[in-house]
Amino acid sequence: MAKNANGPRMDKANLPQKTCAACGRPFVWRKKWARDWENVRFCSDRCRADAKR
């Protein structure tokens, strides 16, 4: 993993993946989920809303 001014840099090919709890599709890490990645369960707002029904 390379470094930049902000710390370690993630290559797009090596991003962590999870499986969506609602639709079962794989999705990859996004920067906006960096602080809360352990608690992310759904790939989108639509899947999260469908899971509540």
PDB file of N, CA and C in Angstrom:
ATOM      1  N   MET A   1       0.855  -1.181   0.000  1.00  0.00           N
ATOM      2  CA  MET A   1       0.000   0.000   0.000  1.00  0.00           C
ATOM      3  C   MET A   1       0.893   1.233   0.000  1.00  0.00           C
ATOM      4  N   ALA A   2       0.640   2.122  -0.914  1.00  0.00           N
ATOM      5  CA  ALA A   2       1.416   3.347  -1.026  1.00  0.00           C
ATOM      6  C   ALA A   2       0.928   4.370  -0.006  1.00  0.00           C
ATOM      7  N   LYS A   3       1.747   5.371   0.242  1.00  0.00           N
ATOM      8  CA  LYS A   3       1.373   6.436   1.169  1.00  0.00           C
ATOM      9  C   LYS A   3       1.266   7.752   0.433  1.00  0.00           C
ATOM     10  N   ASN A   4       0.436   8.629   0.959  1.00  0.00           N
ATOM     11  CA  ASN A   4       0.369   9.993   0.470  1.00  0.00           C
ATOM     12  C   ASN A   4       0.364  10.922   1.678  1.00  0.00           C
ATOM     13  N   ALA A   5       0.092  12.190   1.496  1.00  0.00           N
ATOM     14  CA  ALA A   5       0.154  13.159   2.589  1.00  0.00           C
ATOM     15  C   ALA A   5      -0.879  12.872   3.678  1.00  0.00           C
ATOM     16  N   ASN A   6      -1.978  12.190   3.336  1.00  0.00           N
ATOM     17  CA  ASN A   6      -3.039  11.908   4.300  1.00  0.00           C
ATOM     18  C   ASN A   6      -2.915  10.541   4.954  1.00  0.00           C
ATOM     19  N   GLY A   7      -1.858   9.803   4.665  1.00  0.00           N
ATOM     20  CA  GLY A   7      -1.690   8.477   5.236  1.00  0.00           C
ATOM     21  C   GLY A   7      -1.697   7.419   4.146  1.00  0.00           C
ATOM     22  N   PRO A   8      -2.040   6.187   4.501  1.00  0.00           N
ATOM     23  CA  PRO A   8      -2.013   5.114   3.500  1.00  0.00           C
ATOM     24  C   PRO A   8      -3.055   5.334   2.408  1.00  0.00           C
ATOM     25  N   ARG A   9      -2.677   4.999   1.206  1.00  0.00           N
ATOM     26  CA  ARG A   9      -3.581   5.144   0.063  1.00  0.00           C
ATOM     27  C   ARG A   9      -4.074   3.760  -0.344  1.00  0.00           C
ATOM     28  N   MET A  10      -5.369   3.643  -0.568  1.00  0.00           N
ATOM     29  CA  MET A  10      -5.945   2.376  -1.001  1.00  0.00           C
ATOM     30  C   MET A  10      -6.060   2.355  -2.516  1.00  0.00           C
ATOM     31  N   ASP A  11      -5.583   1.293  -3.135  1.00  0.00           N
ATOM     32  CA  ASP A  11      -5.766   1.120  -4.568  1.00  0.00           C
ATOM     33  C   ASP A  11      -7.185   0.620  -4.804  1.00  0.00           C
ATOM     34  N   LYS A  12      -7.805   1.046  -5.875  1.00  0.00           N
ATOM     35  CA  LYS A  12      -9.193   0.665  -6.139  1.00  0.00           C
ATOM     36  C   LYS A  12      -9.355  -0.844  -6.267  1.00  0.00           C
ATOM     37  N   ALA A  13      -8.345  -1.525  -6.750  1.00  0.00           N
ATOM     38  CA  ALA A  13      -8.430  -2.978  -6.909  1.00  0.00           C
ATOM     39  C   ALA A  13      -8.404  -3.699  -5.565  1.00  0.00           C
ATOM     40  N   ASN A  14      -7.905  -3.054  -4.523  1.00  0.00           N
ATOM     41  CA  ASN A  14      -7.740  -3.708  -3.224  1.00  0.00           C
ATOM     42  C   ASN A  14      -8.699  -3.199  -2.163  1.00  0.00           C
ATOM     43  N   LEU A  15      -9.819  -2.597  -2.550  1.00  0.00           N
ATOM     44  CA  LEU A  15     -10.773  -2.092  -1.576  1.00  0.00           C
ATOM     45  C   LEU A  15     -11.523  -3.250  -0.926  1.00  0.00           C
ATOM     46  N   PRO A  16     -11.851  -3.128   0.367  1.00  0.00           N
ATOM     47  CA  PRO A  16     -12.613  -4.190   1.023  1.00  0.00           C
ATOM     48  C   PRO A  16     -14.023  -4.292   0.466  1.00  0.00           C
ATOM     49  N   GLN A  17     -14.586  -5.504   0.511  1.00  0.00           N
ATOM     50  CA  GLN A  17     -15.929  -5.751   0.015  1.00  0.00           C
ATOM     51  C   GLN A  17     -16.793  -6.346   1.102  1.00  0.00           C
ATOM     52  N   LYS A  18     -18.100  -6.139   0.960  1.00  0.00           N
ATOM     53  CA  LYS A  18     -19.103  -6.768   1.817  1.00  0.00           C
ATOM     54  C   LYS A  18     -20.259  -7.198   0.929  1.00  0.00           C
ATOM     55  N   THR A  19     -21.138  -8.015   1.476  1.00  0.00           N
ATOM     56  CA  THR A  19     -22.340  -8.429   0.773  1.00  0.00           C
ATOM     57  C   THR A  19     -23.527  -7.721   1.409  1.00  0.00           C
ATOM     58  N   CYS A  20     -24.394  -7.162   0.593  1.00  0.00           N
ATOM     59  CA  CYS A  20     -25.567  -6.429   1.070  1.00  0.00           C
ATOM     60  C   CYS A  20     -26.518  -7.383   1.779  1.00  0.00           C
ATOM     61  N   ALA A  21     -27.022  -6.975   2.944  1.00  0.00           N
ATOM     62  CA  ALA A  21     -27.927  -7.813   3.726  1.00  0.00           C
ATOM     63  C   ALA A  21     -29.306  -7.916   3.090  1.00  0.00           C
ATOM     64  N   ALA A  22     -29.678  -6.993   2.219  1.00  0.00           N
ATOM     65  CA  ALA A  22     -31.009  -7.005   1.606  1.00  0.00           C
ATOM     66  C   ALA A  22     -31.011  -7.712   0.256  1.00  0.00           C
ATOM     67  N   CYS A  23     -30.101  -7.325  -0.630  1.00  0.00           N
ATOM     68  CA  CYS A  23     -30.140  -7.858  -1.994  1.00  0.00           C
ATOM     69  C   CYS A  23     -29.097  -8.942  -2.259  1.00  0.00           C
ATOM     70  N   GLY A  24     -28.103  -9.061  -1.405  1.00  0.00           N
ATOM     71  CA  GLY A  24     -27.092 -10.102  -1.564  1.00  0.00           C
ATOM     72  C   GLY A  24     -25.985  -9.775  -2.550  1.00  0.00           C
ATOM     73  N   ARG A  25     -25.985  -8.580  -3.105  1.00  0.00           N
ATOM     74  CA  ARG A  25     -24.942  -8.190  -4.049  1.00  0.00           C
ATOM     75  C   ARG A  25     -23.715  -7.684  -3.303  1.00  0.00           C
ATOM     76  N   PRO A  26     -22.531  -7.898  -3.872  1.00  0.00           N
ATOM     77  CA  PRO A  26     -21.321  -7.358  -3.246  1.00  0.00           C
ATOM     78  C   PRO A  26     -21.212  -5.858  -3.490  1.00  0.00           C
ATOM     79  N   PHE A  27     -20.683  -5.150  -2.505  1.00  0.00           N
ATOM     80  CA  PHE A  27     -20.405  -3.725  -2.684  1.00  0.00           C
ATOM     81  C   PHE A  27     -19.068  -3.425  -2.037  1.00  0.00           C
ATOM     82  N   VAL A  28     -18.408  -2.368  -2.506  1.00  0.00           N
ATOM     83  CA  VAL A  28     -17.068  -2.041  -2.038  1.00  0.00           C
ATOM     84  C   VAL A  28     -17.075  -0.822  -1.132  1.00  0.00           C
ATOM     85  N   TRP A  29     -16.010  -0.681  -0.398  1.00  0.00           N
ATOM     86  CA  TRP A  29     -15.792   0.409   0.546  1.00  0.00           C
ATOM     87  C   TRP A  29     -15.884   1.750  -0.160  1.00  0.00           C
ATOM     88  N   ARG A  30     -16.502   2.722   0.510  1.00  0.00           N
ATOM     89  CA  ARG A  30     -16.542   4.105   0.032  1.00  0.00           C
ATOM     90  C   ARG A  30     -15.957   5.008   1.098  1.00  0.00           C
ATOM     91  N   LYS A  31     -15.369   6.103   0.682  1.00  0.00           N
ATOM     92  CA  LYS A  31     -14.717   7.001   1.629  1.00  0.00           C
ATOM     93  C   LYS A  31     -15.692   7.530   2.674  1.00  0.00           C
ATOM     94  N   LYS A  32     -16.954   7.771   2.292  1.00  0.00           N
ATOM     95  CA  LYS A  32     -17.913   8.296   3.267  1.00  0.00           C
ATOM     96  C   LYS A  32     -18.248   7.272   4.352  1.00  0.00           C
ATOM     97  N   TRP A  33     -17.922   5.994   4.119  1.00  0.00           N
ATOM     98  CA  TRP A  33     -18.144   4.951   5.119  1.00  0.00           C
ATOM     99  C   TRP A  33     -16.891   4.663   5.943  1.00  0.00           C
ATOM    100  N   ALA A  34     -15.839   5.432   5.797  1.00  0.00           N
ATOM    101  CA  ALA A  34     -14.552   5.116   6.414  1.00  0.00           C
ATOM    102  C   ALA A  34     -14.640   4.979   7.930  1.00  0.00           C
ATOM    103  N   ARG A  35     -15.358   5.862   8.592  1.00  0.00           N
ATOM    104  CA  ARG A  35     -15.439   5.819  10.061  1.00  0.00           C
ATOM    105  C   ARG A  35     -16.389   4.748  10.565  1.00  0.00           C
ATOM    106  N   ASP A  36     -17.301   4.283   9.715  1.00  0.00           N
ATOM    107  CA  ASP A  36     -18.368   3.400  10.168  1.00  0.00           C
ATOM    108  C   ASP A  36     -18.449   2.106   9.354  1.00  0.00           C
ATOM    109  N   TRP A  37     -17.363   1.690   8.728  1.00  0.00           N
ATOM    110  CA  TRP A  37     -17.378   0.538   7.825  1.00  0.00           C
ATOM    111  C   TRP A  37     -17.864  -0.740   8.505  1.00  0.00           C
ATOM    112  N   GLU A  38     -17.545  -0.952   9.769  1.00  0.00           N
ATOM    113  CA  GLU A  38     -17.945  -2.161  10.474  1.00  0.00           C
ATOM    114  C   GLU A  38     -19.470  -2.269  10.590  1.00  0.00           C
ATOM    115  N   ASN A  39     -20.170  -1.125  10.649  1.00  0.00           N
ATOM    116  CA  ASN A  39     -21.616  -1.123  10.834  1.00  0.00           C
ATOM    117  C   ASN A  39     -22.410  -1.014   9.537  1.00  0.00           C
ATOM    118  N   VAL A  40     -21.748  -0.825   8.401  1.00  0.00           N
ATOM    119  CA  VAL A  40     -22.447  -0.713   7.119  1.00  0.00           C
ATOM    120  C   VAL A  40     -22.932  -2.102   6.712  1.00  0.00           C
ATOM    121  N   ARG A  41     -24.251  -2.226   6.450  1.00  0.00           N
ATOM    122  CA  ARG A  41     -24.834  -3.521   6.097  1.00  0.00           C
ATOM    123  C   ARG A  41     -25.495  -3.522   4.729  1.00  0.00           C
ATOM    124  N   PHE A  42     -25.866  -2.347   4.236  1.00  0.00           N
ATOM    125  CA  PHE A  42     -26.623  -2.257   2.996  1.00  0.00           C
ATOM    126  C   PHE A  42     -25.844  -1.471   1.948  1.00  0.00           C
ATOM    127  N   CYS A  43     -26.064  -1.821   0.673  1.00  0.00           N
ATOM    128  CA  CYS A  43     -25.322  -1.177  -0.410  1.00  0.00           C
ATOM    129  C   CYS A  43     -25.905   0.173  -0.798  1.00  0.00           C
ATOM    130  N   SER A  44     -27.183   0.426  -0.447  1.00  0.00           N
ATOM    131  CA  SER A  44     -27.820   1.675  -0.867  1.00  0.00           C
ATOM    132  C   SER A  44     -28.956   2.032   0.078  1.00  0.00           C
ATOM    133  N   ASP A  45     -29.446   3.249  -0.085  1.00  0.00           N
ATOM    134  CA  ASP A  45     -30.610   3.687   0.704  1.00  0.00           C
ATOM    135  C   ASP A  45     -31.840   2.863   0.338  1.00  0.00           C
ATOM    136  N   ARG A  46     -31.954   2.494  -0.909  1.00  0.00           N
ATOM    137  CA  ARG A  46     -33.107   1.686  -1.340  1.00  0.00           C
ATOM    138  C   ARG A  46     -33.112   0.325  -0.631  1.00  0.00           C
ATOM    139  N   CYS A  47     -31.968  -0.327  -0.540  1.00  0.00           N
ATOM    140  CA  CYS A  47     -31.902  -1.620   0.153  1.00  0.00           C
ATOM    141  C   CYS A  47     -32.194  -1.454   1.642  1.00  0.00           C
ATOM    142  N   ARG A  48     -31.717  -0.387   2.229  1.00  0.00           N
ATOM    143  CA  ARG A  48     -31.982  -0.155   3.646  1.00  0.00           C
ATOM    144  C   ARG A  48     -33.473   0.066   3.881  1.00  0.00           C
ATOM    145  N   ALA A  49     -34.144   0.802   2.998  1.00  0.00           N
ATOM    146  CA  ALA A  49     -35.579   1.042   3.136  1.00  0.00           C
ATOM    147  C   ALA A  49     -36.379  -0.242   2.916  1.00  0.00           C
ATOM    148  N   ASP A  50     -35.958  -1.053   1.940  1.00  0.00           N
ATOM    149  CA  ASP A  50     -36.660  -2.314   1.673  1.00  0.00           C
ATOM    150  C   ASP A  50     -36.501  -3.287   2.831  1.00  0.00           C
ATOM    151  N   ALA A  51     -35.394  -3.245   3.531  1.00  0.00           N
ATOM    152  CA  ALA A  51     -35.162  -4.156   4.651  1.00  0.00           C
ATOM    153  C   ALA A  51     -36.087  -3.835   5.831  1.00  0.00           C
ATOM    154  N   LYS A  52     -36.513  -2.589   5.943  1.00  0.00           N
ATOM    155  CA  LYS A  52     -37.401  -2.201   7.037  1.00  0.00           C
ATOM    156  C   LYS A  52     -38.822  -2.707   6.826  1.00  0.00           C
ATOM    157  N   ARG A  53     -39.182  -3.008   5.576  1.00  0.00           N
ATOM    158  CA  ARG A  53     -40.537  -3.475   5.269  1.00  0.00           C
ATOM    159  C   ARG A  53     -40.695  -4.940   5.547  1.00  0.00           C
TER     160      ARG A  53
END
